[in-house]
N, C-alpha and C. Protein backbone atom coordinates (compact mmCIF):
# COMPACT_ATOMS: atom_id res chain seq x y z
N UNK A 1 0.87 -1.25 -0.04
CA UNK A 1 -0.06 0.05 -0.04
C UNK A 1 0.93 1.27 -0.06
N UNK A 2 0.53 2.34 -0.90
CA UNK A 2 1.23 3.42 -0.71
C UNK A 2 0.91 4.30 0.36
N UNK A 3 1.96 5.19 0.72
CA UNK A 3 1.74 6.14 1.97
C UNK A 3 0.52 6.90 1.64
N UNK A 4 0.34 7.46 0.28
CA UNK A 4 -0.80 8.35 0.12
C UNK A 4 -2.23 7.60 0.34
N UNK A 5 -2.13 6.15 -0.19
CA UNK A 5 -3.53 5.61 0.25
C UNK A 5 -3.74 5.48 1.74
N UNK A 6 -2.81 5.16 2.59
CA UNK A 6 -2.88 5.06 3.83
C UNK A 6 -3.31 6.32 4.52
N UNK A 7 -2.82 7.61 3.96
CA UNK A 7 -3.19 8.78 4.48
C UNK A 7 -4.69 9.20 4.20
N UNK A 8 -5.07 8.79 2.96
CA UNK A 8 -6.59 8.76 2.43
C UNK A 8 -7.31 7.91 3.49
N UNK A 9 -7.03 6.72 3.74
CA UNK A 9 -7.83 5.91 4.50
C UNK A 9 -7.97 6.47 5.91
N UNK A 10 -6.85 6.95 6.32
CA UNK A 10 -6.77 7.63 7.89
C UNK A 10 -7.69 8.72 7.90
N UNK A 11 -7.63 9.67 6.96
CA UNK A 11 -8.45 10.84 6.89
C UNK A 11 -9.98 10.51 6.91
N UNK A 12 -10.35 9.46 5.96
CA UNK A 12 -11.89 9.24 5.81
C UNK A 12 -12.31 8.47 7.00
N UNK A 13 -11.35 7.55 7.62
CA UNK A 13 -11.81 6.90 8.94
C UNK A 13 -12.04 8.04 10.06
N UNK A 14 -11.00 8.94 10.27
CA UNK A 14 -11.26 9.91 11.15
C UNK A 14 -12.62 10.66 10.99
N UNK A 15 -13.09 10.91 9.86
CA UNK A 15 -14.30 11.46 9.75
C UNK A 15 -15.34 10.75 9.98
N UNK A 16 -15.38 9.58 9.72
CA UNK A 16 -16.41 8.55 10.06
C UNK A 16 -16.51 8.30 11.56
N UNK A 17 -15.33 8.10 12.25
CA UNK A 17 -15.21 8.09 13.81
C UNK A 17 -15.85 9.32 14.50
N UNK A 18 -15.49 10.60 13.87
CA UNK A 18 -16.24 11.54 14.43
C UNK A 18 -17.75 11.73 14.20
N UNK A 19 -18.03 11.21 13.00
CA UNK A 19 -19.62 11.18 12.79
C UNK A 19 -20.32 10.26 13.84
N UNK A 20 -19.71 9.18 14.11
CA UNK A 20 -19.95 8.02 14.98
C UNK A 20 -19.77 8.54 16.61
N UNK A 21 -19.15 9.68 16.78
CA UNK A 21 -18.77 10.15 17.97
C UNK A 21 -18.07 9.07 18.92
N UNK A 22 -17.19 8.61 18.16
CA UNK A 22 -16.03 7.81 18.86
C UNK A 22 -14.83 8.30 18.69
N UNK A 23 -14.23 8.55 20.03
CA UNK A 23 -13.09 9.38 20.12
C UNK A 23 -11.76 8.45 20.31
N UNK A 24 -10.68 8.67 19.67
CA UNK A 24 -9.60 7.96 19.81
C UNK A 24 -8.54 8.54 20.83
N UNK A 25 -7.73 7.89 21.39
CA UNK A 25 -6.71 8.44 22.55
C UNK A 25 -5.82 9.56 21.86
N UNK A 26 -5.14 10.44 22.60
CA UNK A 26 -4.38 11.46 22.03
C UNK A 26 -3.36 11.14 21.02
N UNK A 27 -2.80 9.94 21.36
CA UNK A 27 -1.59 9.60 20.56
C UNK A 27 -1.89 9.29 19.04
N UNK A 28 -3.39 9.19 18.92
CA UNK A 28 -3.68 9.06 17.53
C UNK A 28 -3.23 10.21 16.45
N UNK A 29 -3.09 11.22 16.94
CA UNK A 29 -2.89 12.43 16.17
C UNK A 29 -1.59 12.99 16.43
N UNK A 30 -0.74 12.30 17.17
CA UNK A 30 0.69 12.93 17.33
C UNK A 30 1.54 13.11 16.09
N UNK A 31 2.11 14.00 15.71
CA UNK A 31 2.92 14.32 14.68
C UNK A 31 4.17 13.59 14.94
N UNK A 32 4.99 13.40 13.83
CA UNK A 32 6.40 12.74 14.05
C UNK A 32 7.18 13.43 14.94
N UNK A 33 7.21 14.87 14.98
CA UNK A 33 7.99 15.71 15.85
C UNK A 33 7.61 15.22 17.42
N UNK A 34 6.14 15.18 17.62
CA UNK A 34 5.81 14.86 18.85
C UNK A 34 6.31 13.46 19.30
N UNK A 35 6.32 12.63 18.48
CA UNK A 35 6.77 11.18 18.62
C UNK A 35 8.18 11.24 19.20
N UNK A 36 8.88 11.96 18.29
CA UNK A 36 10.42 12.00 18.66
C UNK A 36 10.60 12.34 20.14
N UNK A 37 9.93 13.44 20.44
CA UNK A 37 10.11 14.10 21.90
C UNK A 37 9.58 13.35 22.94
N UNK A 38 8.55 12.43 22.78
CA UNK A 38 8.01 11.52 23.71
C UNK A 38 8.57 10.22 23.81
N UNK A 39 9.53 9.94 22.94
CA UNK A 39 10.04 8.53 22.66
C UNK A 39 10.27 7.82 24.09
N UNK A 40 10.99 8.37 25.06
CA UNK A 40 11.36 7.53 26.35
C UNK A 40 10.09 7.02 27.12
N UNK A 41 9.01 7.82 27.17
CA UNK A 41 8.08 7.41 27.93
C UNK A 41 6.95 6.82 27.10
N UNK A 42 6.79 6.53 25.81
CA UNK A 42 5.83 6.00 25.17
C UNK A 42 6.07 4.61 24.66
N UNK A 43 6.87 3.99 25.15
CA UNK A 43 7.57 2.73 24.76
C UNK A 43 6.30 1.64 24.98
N UNK A 44 5.42 1.74 25.78
CA UNK A 44 4.32 0.83 25.92
C UNK A 44 3.41 0.86 24.74
N UNK A 45 3.30 2.05 24.09
CA UNK A 45 2.65 2.20 22.89
C UNK A 45 3.06 1.12 21.81
N UNK A 46 4.35 1.18 21.57
CA UNK A 46 5.10 0.47 20.65
C UNK A 46 5.19 -1.05 21.12
N UNK A 47 5.58 -1.40 22.24
CA UNK A 47 5.58 -2.86 22.63
C UNK A 47 4.48 -3.41 22.68
N UNK A 48 3.22 -2.88 22.96
CA UNK A 48 1.97 -3.54 23.14
C UNK A 48 1.07 -3.12 21.71
N UNK A 49 1.77 -2.78 20.70
CA UNK A 49 1.17 -2.61 19.37
C UNK A 49 -0.20 -2.03 19.37
N UNK A 50 -0.03 -0.64 20.18
CA UNK A 50 -1.15 0.12 19.99
C UNK A 50 -1.17 0.98 18.77
N UNK A 51 -2.50 1.48 18.41
CA UNK A 51 -2.50 2.62 17.35
C UNK A 51 -2.99 1.97 15.97
N UNK A 52 -2.57 2.81 15.02
CA UNK A 52 -3.03 2.51 13.54
C UNK A 52 -2.63 1.16 13.20
N UNK A 53 -3.45 0.51 12.43
CA UNK A 53 -3.15 -0.82 11.81
C UNK A 53 -4.19 -0.97 10.58
N UNK A 54 -3.80 -0.54 9.29
CA UNK A 54 -4.47 -0.53 8.17
C UNK A 54 -3.82 -1.57 7.28
N UNK A 55 -4.73 -2.60 6.91
CA UNK A 55 -4.10 -3.61 6.07
C UNK A 55 -4.98 -4.10 5.04
N UNK A 56 -4.41 -4.40 3.88
CA UNK A 56 -5.08 -5.08 2.57
C UNK A 56 -4.83 -6.48 2.59
N UNK A 57 -4.24 -7.15 3.71
CA UNK A 57 -3.91 -8.36 3.81
C UNK A 57 -2.99 -8.88 2.44
N UNK A 58 -2.33 -7.99 1.91
CA UNK A 58 -1.47 -8.31 0.77
C UNK A 58 -2.23 -8.53 -0.52
N UNK A 59 -3.64 -7.92 -0.45
CA UNK A 59 -4.31 -8.33 -1.82
C UNK A 59 -4.07 -7.20 -2.82
N UNK A 60 -3.52 -6.08 -2.32
CA UNK A 60 -3.49 -4.91 -3.24
C UNK A 60 -4.68 -4.13 -3.62
N UNK A 61 -5.79 -4.52 -2.89
CA UNK A 61 -7.05 -3.98 -3.24
C UNK A 61 -7.69 -3.79 -1.91
N UNK A 62 -7.44 -2.78 -1.14
CA UNK A 62 -8.06 -2.58 0.21
C UNK A 62 -9.71 -2.48 0.20
N UNK A 63 -10.12 -1.83 -0.86
CA UNK A 63 -11.59 -1.67 -0.74
C UNK A 63 -12.24 -2.97 -0.96
N UNK A 64 -11.51 -4.07 -1.62
CA UNK A 64 -12.18 -5.27 -1.56
C UNK A 64 -11.78 -6.28 -0.60
N UNK A 65 -10.49 -6.28 -0.07
CA UNK A 65 -10.00 -7.23 0.96
C UNK A 65 -9.13 -6.26 1.91
N UNK A 66 -9.69 -5.92 2.76
CA UNK A 66 -8.98 -5.08 3.74
C UNK A 66 -9.55 -4.74 5.10
N UNK A 67 -9.02 -4.05 5.88
CA UNK A 67 -9.64 -3.68 7.27
C UNK A 67 -8.93 -2.50 7.99
N UNK A 68 -9.73 -1.61 8.57
CA UNK A 68 -9.10 -0.46 9.11
C UNK A 68 -9.18 -1.03 10.71
N UNK A 69 -8.07 -0.81 11.42
CA UNK A 69 -8.04 -1.31 12.76
C UNK A 69 -7.33 -0.22 13.68
N UNK A 70 -7.83 0.22 14.82
CA UNK A 70 -7.10 0.96 15.83
C UNK A 70 -7.00 0.28 17.12
N UNK A 71 -5.75 -0.24 17.66
CA UNK A 71 -5.76 -0.76 18.90
C UNK A 71 -5.76 0.41 20.00
N UNK A 72 -6.65 0.16 20.80
CA UNK A 72 -6.68 1.29 21.94
C UNK A 72 -5.78 0.83 23.20
N UNK A 73 -6.03 -0.50 23.56
CA UNK A 73 -5.38 -1.02 24.66
C UNK A 73 -5.04 -2.53 24.44
N UNK A 74 -3.92 -2.89 25.15
CA UNK A 74 -3.57 -4.28 24.78
C UNK A 74 -2.40 -4.53 26.06
N UNK A 75 -2.24 -5.88 26.21
CA UNK A 75 -1.25 -6.33 26.95
C UNK A 75 -0.24 -7.17 26.19
N UNK A 76 0.51 -7.91 26.77
CA UNK A 76 1.42 -8.64 26.08
C UNK A 76 1.33 -10.21 26.43
N UNK A 77 1.87 -11.02 25.62
CA UNK A 77 1.86 -12.65 26.06
C UNK A 77 2.49 -12.78 27.20
N UNK A 78 3.64 -12.07 27.74
CA UNK A 78 4.15 -12.12 29.01
C UNK A 78 3.17 -11.91 30.21
N UNK A 79 2.34 -10.87 29.99
CA UNK A 79 1.31 -10.75 31.04
C UNK A 79 0.41 -11.63 31.19
N UNK A 80 0.23 -12.50 30.19
CA UNK A 80 -0.95 -13.72 30.38
C UNK A 80 -0.51 -14.60 31.50
N UNK A 81 0.93 -14.67 31.84
CA UNK A 81 1.40 -15.76 32.61
C UNK A 81 1.59 -15.04 34.01
N UNK A 82 1.13 -13.71 34.20
CA UNK A 82 1.13 -13.11 35.64
C UNK A 82 -0.06 -13.20 36.29
N UNK A 83 -0.12 -13.39 37.63
CA UNK A 83 -1.61 -13.49 38.18
C UNK A 83 -2.27 -12.19 37.99
N UNK A 84 -1.66 -11.16 38.11
CA UNK A 84 -2.32 -9.93 37.91
C UNK A 84 -1.94 -9.06 36.74
N UNK A 85 -1.67 -9.76 35.69
CA UNK A 85 -1.14 -9.03 34.53
C UNK A 85 -2.38 -8.34 33.54
N UNK A 86 -1.86 -7.63 32.65
CA UNK A 86 -2.92 -6.95 31.79
C UNK A 86 -3.25 -8.10 30.67
N UNK A 87 -4.38 -8.87 30.72
CA UNK A 87 -4.70 -9.97 29.90
C UNK A 87 -5.83 -9.46 28.91
N UNK A 88 -6.19 -8.28 28.69
CA UNK A 88 -7.06 -7.79 27.86
C UNK A 88 -6.87 -6.91 26.69
N UNK A 89 -7.45 -6.91 25.69
CA UNK A 89 -7.20 -5.89 24.51
C UNK A 89 -8.58 -5.26 24.24
N UNK A 90 -8.42 -4.11 23.43
CA UNK A 90 -9.58 -3.37 22.88
C UNK A 90 -9.17 -2.91 21.61
N UNK A 91 -10.07 -3.01 20.58
CA UNK A 91 -9.76 -2.39 19.24
C UNK A 91 -10.93 -1.81 18.63
N UNK A 92 -10.94 -0.93 17.80
CA UNK A 92 -12.04 -0.41 17.03
C UNK A 92 -11.61 -0.74 15.55
N UNK A 93 -12.67 -1.16 14.86
CA UNK A 93 -12.49 -1.58 13.40
C UNK A 93 -13.51 -0.67 12.70
N UNK A 94 -13.21 -0.33 11.44
CA UNK A 94 -14.21 0.00 10.25
C UNK A 94 -14.23 -0.93 9.25
N UNK A 95 -15.47 -1.31 8.96
CA UNK A 95 -15.58 -2.37 7.87
C UNK A 95 -16.42 -1.81 6.87
N UNK A 96 -16.23 -1.84 5.72
CA UNK A 96 -16.93 -1.21 4.64
C UNK A 96 -17.85 -2.22 4.02
N UNK A 97 -19.05 -1.87 3.17
CA UNK A 97 -19.87 -2.84 2.63
C UNK A 97 -18.89 -3.78 1.70
N UNK A 98 -19.34 -5.07 1.83
CA UNK A 98 -18.74 -6.09 1.09
C UNK A 98 -17.09 -6.13 1.11
N UNK A 99 -16.46 -5.32 2.14
CA UNK A 99 -15.00 -5.44 2.25
C UNK A 99 -14.75 -6.67 3.03
N UNK A 100 -14.04 -7.58 2.63
CA UNK A 100 -13.77 -8.79 3.31
C UNK A 100 -12.70 -8.76 4.33
N UNK A 101 -12.71 -9.40 5.41
CA UNK A 101 -11.43 -9.83 6.13
C UNK A 101 -11.54 -11.18 6.07
N UNK A 102 -10.25 -11.75 5.55
CA UNK A 102 -10.20 -13.18 5.13
C UNK A 102 -10.35 -14.26 6.34
N UNK A 103 -10.74 -15.60 5.93
CA UNK A 103 -10.91 -16.62 6.98
C UNK A 103 -9.76 -16.80 7.86
N UNK A 104 -10.00 -16.74 9.05
CA UNK A 104 -9.00 -16.97 9.92
C UNK A 104 -9.41 -17.25 11.38
N UNK A 105 -8.60 -17.71 12.32
CA UNK A 105 -8.88 -18.06 13.74
C UNK A 105 -7.53 -17.43 14.59
N UNK A 106 -7.75 -17.58 15.88
CA UNK A 106 -6.67 -17.30 16.74
C UNK A 106 -6.54 -18.23 17.76
N UNK A 107 -5.00 -18.49 17.86
CA UNK A 107 -4.71 -19.70 18.78
C UNK A 107 -4.98 -19.37 20.17
N UNK A 108 -4.83 -18.11 20.75
CA UNK A 108 -5.12 -17.90 22.20
C UNK A 108 -6.12 -16.92 22.32
N UNK A 109 -6.38 -16.04 21.55
CA UNK A 109 -7.31 -14.93 21.72
C UNK A 109 -8.81 -15.26 21.45
N UNK A 110 -9.45 -15.10 22.63
CA UNK A 110 -10.94 -15.21 22.46
C UNK A 110 -11.42 -13.69 22.48
N UNK A 111 -12.47 -13.41 21.61
CA UNK A 111 -12.76 -12.04 21.23
C UNK A 111 -14.38 -11.83 21.18
N UNK A 112 -14.76 -10.78 21.73
CA UNK A 112 -16.06 -10.35 21.50
C UNK A 112 -16.18 -9.47 20.40
N UNK A 113 -16.90 -9.59 19.34
CA UNK A 113 -17.00 -8.61 18.25
C UNK A 113 -18.38 -7.97 18.39
N UNK A 114 -18.41 -6.72 18.42
CA UNK A 114 -19.39 -5.81 18.75
C UNK A 114 -19.78 -4.74 17.65
N UNK A 115 -20.94 -4.94 17.29
CA UNK A 115 -21.52 -3.83 16.04
C UNK A 115 -21.79 -2.40 16.98
N UNK A 116 -20.87 -1.51 16.89
CA UNK A 116 -20.97 -0.17 17.55
C UNK A 116 -21.87 0.68 16.78
N UNK A 117 -22.26 0.35 15.67
CA UNK A 117 -23.22 1.47 14.95
C UNK A 117 -22.87 1.43 13.35
N UNK A 118 -23.75 2.13 12.59
CA UNK A 118 -23.68 2.19 11.30
C UNK A 118 -24.55 0.88 10.56
N UNK A 119 -23.93 0.13 9.68
CA UNK A 119 -24.57 -0.79 8.99
C UNK A 119 -24.51 -2.14 9.70
N UNK A 120 -24.81 -3.25 8.98
CA UNK A 120 -24.71 -4.67 9.64
C UNK A 120 -23.48 -5.38 9.20
N UNK A 121 -22.96 -6.14 10.23
CA UNK A 121 -21.78 -6.97 10.07
C UNK A 121 -22.23 -8.40 9.87
N UNK A 122 -21.62 -8.93 8.74
CA UNK A 122 -21.98 -10.31 8.49
C UNK A 122 -20.74 -11.12 8.80
N UNK A 123 -20.92 -12.24 9.47
CA UNK A 123 -19.83 -13.13 9.95
C UNK A 123 -20.11 -14.52 9.40
N UNK A 124 -19.21 -15.18 8.76
CA UNK A 124 -19.21 -16.61 8.43
C UNK A 124 -18.30 -17.41 9.28
N UNK A 125 -18.78 -18.52 9.88
CA UNK A 125 -18.38 -19.29 10.82
C UNK A 125 -18.10 -20.80 10.36
N UNK A 126 -17.08 -21.25 10.81
CA UNK A 126 -16.60 -22.64 10.82
C UNK A 126 -15.94 -23.12 12.10
N UNK A 127 -15.98 -24.30 12.50
CA UNK A 127 -15.21 -24.87 13.48
C UNK A 127 -13.86 -25.41 12.79
N UNK A 128 -12.71 -25.55 13.59
CA UNK A 128 -11.56 -25.88 12.98
C UNK A 128 -11.30 -27.48 13.29
N UNK A 129 -10.64 -28.14 12.36
CA UNK A 129 -10.37 -29.57 12.74
C UNK A 129 -8.95 -29.57 13.59
N UNK A 130 -8.53 -30.69 13.93
CA UNK A 130 -7.24 -30.73 14.63
C UNK A 130 -6.10 -30.47 13.84
N UNK A 131 -6.07 -30.72 12.51
CA UNK A 131 -5.17 -30.21 11.30
C UNK A 131 -5.51 -28.73 10.82
N UNK A 132 -6.09 -28.05 11.50
CA UNK A 132 -6.54 -26.59 11.14
C UNK A 132 -7.18 -26.30 9.84
N UNK A 133 -7.90 -27.32 9.33
CA UNK A 133 -8.93 -27.34 8.30
C UNK A 133 -10.21 -26.81 8.75
N UNK A 134 -11.07 -26.58 7.72
CA UNK A 134 -12.45 -26.20 8.00
C UNK A 134 -13.43 -27.50 8.28
N UNK A 135 -13.84 -27.41 9.63
CA UNK A 135 -14.80 -28.65 9.90
C UNK A 135 -16.18 -28.51 9.22
N UNK A 136 -16.93 -29.55 9.22
CA UNK A 136 -18.18 -29.64 8.73
C UNK A 136 -19.31 -29.65 9.57
N UNK A 137 -18.92 -29.50 10.94
CA UNK A 137 -19.76 -29.59 12.29
C UNK A 137 -20.58 -28.18 12.44
N UNK A 138 -21.69 -28.38 13.01
CA UNK A 138 -22.45 -27.19 13.57
C UNK A 138 -21.54 -26.34 14.44
N UNK A 139 -21.77 -25.10 14.16
CA UNK A 139 -21.16 -24.02 14.99
C UNK A 139 -21.90 -23.42 16.10
N UNK A 140 -21.45 -23.37 17.16
CA UNK A 140 -22.50 -22.86 18.35
C UNK A 140 -21.60 -21.64 19.00
N UNK A 141 -22.45 -20.35 19.06
CA UNK A 141 -21.64 -19.10 19.63
C UNK A 141 -22.54 -18.53 20.52
N UNK A 142 -22.15 -17.58 21.36
CA UNK A 142 -22.97 -16.86 22.03
C UNK A 142 -23.04 -15.47 21.61
N UNK A 143 -24.41 -15.12 21.34
CA UNK A 143 -24.61 -13.64 20.74
C UNK A 143 -25.30 -13.03 21.88
N UNK A 144 -24.64 -12.05 22.40
CA UNK A 144 -25.16 -11.25 23.68
C UNK A 144 -25.72 -12.11 24.75
N UNK A 145 -25.16 -13.20 25.14
CA UNK A 145 -25.58 -14.19 26.28
C UNK A 145 -26.40 -15.29 25.61
N UNK A 146 -26.89 -15.19 24.41
CA UNK A 146 -27.98 -16.27 23.98
C UNK A 146 -27.05 -17.23 22.90
N UNK A 147 -27.15 -18.44 23.37
CA UNK A 147 -26.55 -19.49 22.55
C UNK A 147 -27.16 -19.61 21.30
N UNK A 148 -26.42 -19.78 20.19
CA UNK A 148 -27.02 -19.87 18.84
C UNK A 148 -26.15 -20.73 17.96
N UNK A 149 -26.95 -21.80 17.32
CA UNK A 149 -26.15 -22.80 16.39
C UNK A 149 -26.50 -22.62 14.97
N UNK A 150 -25.53 -22.55 14.22
CA UNK A 150 -25.65 -22.57 12.72
C UNK A 150 -24.78 -23.61 12.06
N UNK A 151 -25.19 -23.84 10.74
CA UNK A 151 -24.39 -24.89 10.15
C UNK A 151 -23.05 -24.46 9.77
N UNK A 152 -22.03 -25.40 9.50
CA UNK A 152 -20.64 -24.91 9.03
C UNK A 152 -20.87 -24.09 7.86
N UNK A 153 -20.06 -22.91 7.76
CA UNK A 153 -20.18 -21.97 6.60
C UNK A 153 -21.33 -21.06 6.63
N UNK A 154 -22.24 -21.31 7.51
CA UNK A 154 -23.21 -20.21 7.50
C UNK A 154 -22.87 -18.96 8.13
N UNK A 155 -23.77 -18.11 8.00
CA UNK A 155 -23.38 -16.64 8.45
C UNK A 155 -24.27 -16.24 9.70
N UNK A 156 -24.02 -15.36 10.36
CA UNK A 156 -24.87 -14.62 11.24
C UNK A 156 -24.65 -13.09 10.96
N UNK A 157 -25.58 -12.39 11.21
CA UNK A 157 -25.58 -10.92 11.00
C UNK A 157 -25.81 -10.16 12.24
N UNK A 158 -24.80 -9.13 12.55
CA UNK A 158 -25.06 -8.41 13.81
C UNK A 158 -25.38 -6.97 13.36
N UNK A 159 -26.59 -6.57 13.89
CA UNK A 159 -27.24 -5.35 13.69
C UNK A 159 -26.48 -4.31 14.67
N UNK A 160 -26.50 -3.14 14.52
CA UNK A 160 -25.95 -2.17 15.62
C UNK A 160 -26.43 -2.49 16.98
N UNK A 161 -25.44 -2.68 17.81
CA UNK A 161 -25.78 -2.94 19.20
C UNK A 161 -25.70 -4.55 19.53
N UNK A 162 -25.54 -5.18 18.57
CA UNK A 162 -25.46 -6.74 18.82
C UNK A 162 -23.99 -7.02 18.83
N UNK A 163 -23.68 -8.21 19.41
CA UNK A 163 -22.37 -8.81 19.50
C UNK A 163 -22.30 -10.34 19.63
N UNK A 164 -21.17 -10.86 19.17
CA UNK A 164 -20.97 -12.28 19.44
C UNK A 164 -19.53 -12.51 19.94
N UNK A 165 -19.53 -13.66 20.77
CA UNK A 165 -18.22 -14.12 21.28
C UNK A 165 -17.67 -15.18 20.42
N UNK A 166 -16.43 -15.06 19.95
CA UNK A 166 -15.91 -16.14 19.28
C UNK A 166 -14.64 -16.67 20.00
N UNK A 167 -14.74 -17.86 20.28
CA UNK A 167 -13.84 -18.59 20.85
C UNK A 167 -12.45 -18.82 20.26
N UNK A 168 -11.32 -19.39 20.81
CA UNK A 168 -10.22 -19.60 20.21
C UNK A 168 -10.44 -20.74 19.27
N UNK A 169 -9.58 -20.63 17.89
CA UNK A 169 -9.71 -21.68 16.86
C UNK A 169 -11.00 -21.80 16.28
N UNK A 170 -11.80 -20.77 16.53
CA UNK A 170 -12.98 -20.78 15.48
C UNK A 170 -12.72 -19.95 14.19
N UNK A 171 -12.98 -20.68 13.17
CA UNK A 171 -12.65 -19.73 12.00
C UNK A 171 -13.77 -18.71 11.68
N UNK A 172 -13.37 -17.58 11.36
CA UNK A 172 -14.44 -16.55 10.89
C UNK A 172 -13.95 -15.77 9.83
N UNK A 173 -14.92 -15.13 9.10
CA UNK A 173 -14.71 -14.40 7.83
C UNK A 173 -15.72 -13.14 7.87
N UNK A 174 -15.48 -12.01 7.90
CA UNK A 174 -16.54 -11.11 8.00
C UNK A 174 -16.52 -9.68 6.82
N UNK A 175 -17.70 -9.12 6.72
CA UNK A 175 -17.65 -8.06 5.73
C UNK A 175 -18.94 -7.21 6.17
N UNK A 176 -19.00 -5.97 5.57
CA UNK A 176 -20.42 -5.21 5.67
C UNK A 176 -21.44 -5.58 4.89
N UNK A 177 -22.60 -5.75 5.41
CA UNK A 177 -23.87 -6.17 4.54
C UNK A 177 -23.98 -5.14 3.37
N UNK A 178 -24.10 -5.64 2.18
CA UNK A 178 -24.31 -4.52 1.06
C UNK A 178 -25.66 -3.71 1.25
N UNK A 179 -25.54 -2.48 1.10
CA UNK A 179 -26.71 -1.58 1.12
C UNK A 179 -27.03 -1.17 2.52
N UNK A 180 -26.35 -1.53 3.40
CA UNK A 180 -26.56 -1.06 4.84
C UNK A 180 -25.57 0.00 5.42
N UNK A 181 -24.46 0.19 4.63
CA UNK A 181 -23.54 1.31 4.96
C UNK A 181 -22.33 0.70 5.89
N UNK A 182 -21.31 1.78 6.08
CA UNK A 182 -20.20 1.42 6.77
C UNK A 182 -20.46 0.99 8.22
N UNK A 183 -19.70 0.03 8.75
CA UNK A 183 -19.85 -0.55 10.07
C UNK A 183 -18.75 -0.28 11.00
N UNK A 184 -19.24 0.24 12.09
CA UNK A 184 -18.30 0.38 13.27
C UNK A 184 -18.31 -0.65 14.15
N UNK A 185 -16.99 -1.33 14.29
CA UNK A 185 -17.08 -2.58 15.04
C UNK A 185 -16.02 -2.28 16.23
N UNK A 186 -16.64 -2.79 17.27
CA UNK A 186 -15.59 -2.89 18.44
C UNK A 186 -15.15 -4.31 18.88
N UNK A 187 -13.89 -4.52 19.20
CA UNK A 187 -13.43 -5.77 19.64
C UNK A 187 -12.82 -5.73 20.94
N UNK A 188 -13.42 -6.62 21.85
CA UNK A 188 -12.85 -6.77 23.29
C UNK A 188 -12.35 -8.27 23.39
N UNK A 189 -11.03 -8.35 23.90
CA UNK A 189 -10.45 -9.73 23.58
C UNK A 189 -9.45 -9.86 24.75
N UNK A 190 -9.01 -11.09 24.68
CA UNK A 190 -7.58 -11.44 25.35
C UNK A 190 -6.63 -10.62 24.74
N UNK A 191 -5.42 -10.68 25.26
CA UNK A 191 -4.16 -10.03 24.80
C UNK A 191 -4.26 -10.41 23.12
N UNK A 192 -3.81 -9.50 22.34
CA UNK A 192 -3.59 -9.63 20.99
C UNK A 192 -2.07 -9.56 20.60
N UNK A 193 -1.68 -10.35 19.76
CA UNK A 193 -0.41 -10.38 19.09
C UNK A 193 -0.47 -10.84 17.64
N UNK A 194 -0.64 -9.85 16.71
CA UNK A 194 -0.89 -10.34 15.24
C UNK A 194 0.29 -10.82 14.75
N UNK A 195 1.42 -10.70 15.30
CA UNK A 195 2.55 -11.41 14.67
C UNK A 195 2.62 -13.01 14.83
N UNK A 196 1.98 -13.40 15.86
CA UNK A 196 2.02 -14.93 16.07
C UNK A 196 0.72 -15.65 16.29
N UNK A 197 -0.38 -14.88 16.53
CA UNK A 197 -1.53 -15.43 17.02
C UNK A 197 -2.73 -15.67 15.97
N UNK A 198 -2.48 -15.31 14.81
CA UNK A 198 -3.43 -15.61 13.57
C UNK A 198 -3.09 -16.74 12.76
N UNK A 199 -4.11 -17.37 12.43
CA UNK A 199 -4.00 -18.69 11.58
C UNK A 199 -5.05 -18.24 10.43
N UNK A 200 -4.46 -17.84 9.24
CA UNK A 200 -5.33 -17.66 8.06
C UNK A 200 -5.57 -19.02 7.27
N UNK A 201 -6.73 -19.32 6.94
CA UNK A 201 -7.04 -20.65 6.05
C UNK A 201 -6.24 -20.47 4.74
N UNK A 202 -6.47 -19.37 4.04
CA UNK A 202 -5.74 -19.20 2.88
C UNK A 202 -4.47 -18.28 3.14
N UNK A 203 -3.36 -18.58 2.89
CA UNK A 203 -2.03 -17.88 3.04
C UNK A 203 -2.38 -16.23 2.53
N UNK A 204 -2.05 -15.32 3.46
CA UNK A 204 -2.41 -13.97 3.12
C UNK A 204 -1.26 -13.22 3.87
N UNK A 205 -0.99 -12.05 3.47
CA UNK A 205 -0.08 -11.12 4.37
C UNK A 205 -0.85 -10.39 5.33
N UNK A 206 -0.68 -10.51 6.75
CA UNK A 206 -1.38 -9.96 7.76
C UNK A 206 -1.11 -8.32 7.66
N UNK A 207 0.23 -7.95 7.35
CA UNK A 207 0.48 -6.56 7.10
C UNK A 207 0.69 -6.19 5.68
N UNK A 208 0.50 -5.08 5.20
CA UNK A 208 0.72 -4.75 3.90
C UNK A 208 2.04 -4.59 3.51
N UNK A 209 2.52 -4.61 2.39
CA UNK A 209 3.73 -4.37 1.78
C UNK A 209 4.11 -2.95 1.84
């Protein structure tokens, strides 16, 4: 992805977040000069992978296969082993109509996916097999505390205000429902580490070139 494309996505996303009245933390708009002056005291932001994360999953076509992510808070894998460690994370996502996030699961991260407003979010689900393939068994998930079972490869649709809990090793793929508008998506989860915790069913690049 070109820097100019990333800048345009960031600007568009900031306008959408403002329209949705969702505020990002102050470091979201720090300039390079501010970053340089704050370096010693802001290493937590870098170490815990906070902030902007815009990816086309190596597709070269962000509008078709891509995702806007901003990580607001996060722990580390080291924290998971501590009795009182920071074991949680929170992200805000922006999903466009028919913009696909490819099929994947997480090895250790359980996550709640929440439709915070805008359009509808469509999520396709499969259990995984022991050799990390797509299982043909029924999938049971909790949607706002209500257990729900669907066939392998079927979808559930989250309207604004609705959420689903996705356990570890549950394959999922999602996109914005056509004709319903851009979706503001919240994610509340265990510690997130995108360098080691993602298993994509088809090989993709988690980060853009």
